[in-house]
Protein backbone atom coordinates (compact mmCIF):
# COMPACT_ATOMS: atom_id res chain seq x y z
CA MET A 1 10.79 3.97 -5.63
CA HIS A 2 9.01 6.12 -3.10
CA GLN A 3 8.80 4.92 0.50
CA ILE A 4 6.77 5.99 3.49
CA SER A 5 7.35 5.13 6.98
CA PRO A 6 4.64 3.85 9.23
CA ALA A 7 4.77 7.01 11.44
CA GLU A 8 4.50 9.19 8.24
CA LEU A 9 1.35 7.22 7.21
CA HIS A 10 -0.28 7.28 10.41
CA GLN A 11 0.20 11.28 10.26
CA LYS A 12 -1.29 11.49 6.81
CA LEU A 13 -4.18 9.22 7.78
CA SER A 14 -4.65 11.40 10.95
CA ASP A 15 -4.63 14.49 8.95
CA LYS A 16 -7.28 12.78 6.49
CA GLU A 17 -4.97 13.44 3.53
CA ASP A 18 -6.41 12.48 0.05
CA ILE A 19 -4.43 9.16 -0.38
CA LEU A 20 -5.56 5.77 -1.54
CA LEU A 21 -4.52 2.72 0.42
CA ILE A 22 -3.99 -0.62 -1.43
CA ASP A 23 -3.46 -3.80 0.49
CA VAL A 24 -1.70 -6.36 -1.59
CA ARG A 25 -1.96 -9.17 0.87
CA GLU A 26 -4.32 -12.14 0.72
CA PRO A 27 -7.85 -11.94 2.07
CA GLU A 28 -7.23 -13.67 5.24
CA GLU A 29 -4.47 -11.56 6.29
CA HIS A 30 -6.52 -8.46 5.50
CA GLN A 31 -9.20 -9.88 7.82
CA ALA A 32 -7.01 -10.25 10.44
CA PHE A 33 -5.54 -6.66 10.59
CA ASN A 34 -6.00 -3.82 8.26
CA ILE A 35 -5.93 0.00 8.21
CA GLY A 36 -8.67 0.38 5.76
CA GLY A 37 -7.00 0.04 2.56
CA ARG A 38 -8.68 -1.42 -0.48
CA LEU A 39 -7.83 -5.23 -0.75
CA ILE A 40 -6.30 -6.16 -4.18
CA PRO A 41 -3.90 -9.30 -3.75
CA LEU A 42 -0.61 -9.06 -5.52
CA PRO A 43 -1.63 -11.77 -8.12
CA GLU A 44 -4.67 -9.56 -9.11
CA ILE A 45 -3.16 -6.16 -9.11
CA MET A 46 -2.46 -5.85 -12.74
CA SER A 47 -6.08 -6.60 -13.49
CA TYR A 48 -6.94 -3.55 -11.49
CA ALA A 49 -4.38 -1.00 -12.88
CA ASN A 50 -7.09 0.98 -14.66
CA GLU A 51 -8.79 1.59 -11.31
CA ILE A 52 -5.65 2.98 -9.55
CA PRO A 53 -5.48 6.71 -9.85
CA LYS A 54 -2.60 8.59 -11.30
CA ASP A 55 -3.46 11.90 -9.87
CA LYS A 56 -2.98 11.50 -6.12
CA PRO A 57 -0.69 9.48 -3.71
CA VAL A 58 -1.22 5.75 -3.59
CA VAL A 59 0.20 3.87 -0.85
CA LEU A 60 0.76 0.05 -1.16
CA TYR A 61 1.66 -2.38 1.65
CA CYS A 62 1.61 -5.84 2.60
CA LYS A 63 2.95 -7.76 5.65
CA MET A 64 6.77 -6.82 5.33
CA GLY A 65 6.90 -4.62 2.36
CA ILE A 66 8.24 -7.01 -0.27
CA ARG A 67 4.91 -7.91 -2.18
CA SER A 68 3.96 -4.18 -2.03
CA ARG A 69 7.45 -3.31 -3.65
CA ILE A 70 6.86 -6.05 -6.37
CA ALA A 71 3.34 -4.58 -7.20
CA ILE A 72 4.80 -1.08 -7.51
CA GLN A 73 7.54 -2.39 -9.82
CA ARG A 74 5.16 -4.18 -11.99
CA LEU A 75 2.74 -1.37 -12.30
CA SER A 76 5.34 1.32 -12.70
CA ASP A 77 7.11 -0.69 -15.48
CA LYS A 78 4.10 -1.60 -17.50
CA TYR A 79 1.67 1.45 -16.85
CA GLY A 80 4.09 4.46 -15.88
CA PHE A 81 2.62 5.06 -12.55
CA ILE A 82 4.93 7.64 -10.59
CA ASN A 83 2.63 8.25 -7.69
CA LEU A 84 2.86 4.81 -5.88
CA ILE A 85 4.43 4.71 -2.45
CA ASN A 86 5.80 1.59 -0.65
CA LEU A 87 5.04 1.26 3.15
CA THR A 88 8.34 0.70 4.59
CA GLY A 89 8.22 -2.58 6.71
CA GLY A 90 4.45 -3.17 5.78
CA MET A 91 1.88 -4.05 8.32
CA GLU A 92 4.27 -5.64 10.77
CA ALA A 93 6.09 -2.38 11.16
CA TYR A 94 2.80 -0.43 11.44
CA LYS A 95 1.33 -2.71 14.00
CA LYS A 96 4.58 -2.53 16.09
CA ALA A 97 4.67 1.19 16.00
CA PHE A 98 0.94 1.84 16.74
CA ASN A 99 -0.70 -1.28 18.24
CA GLY A 100 2.22 -2.53 20.65
């Protein structure tokens, strides 16, 4: 499974690279803190598989990186995605690195 560190993701966002962010947390978690990703909670992710591009990097994230790993595994197994990337440590690691 492809991984990306908070620092690497922050750099890609700063460089305005063409990547898609998908937040697989629950709506209340997304409202409390997010980095602009599209909210698709883990229980709904398979229903949106046809809306996830296969031709560019897609970074999935959650609170700690566990739900996003599950989402990537399910999507890869069922639909053959090879462009999905897990944010190591999730939003907790990202916040710690960039918001104190």
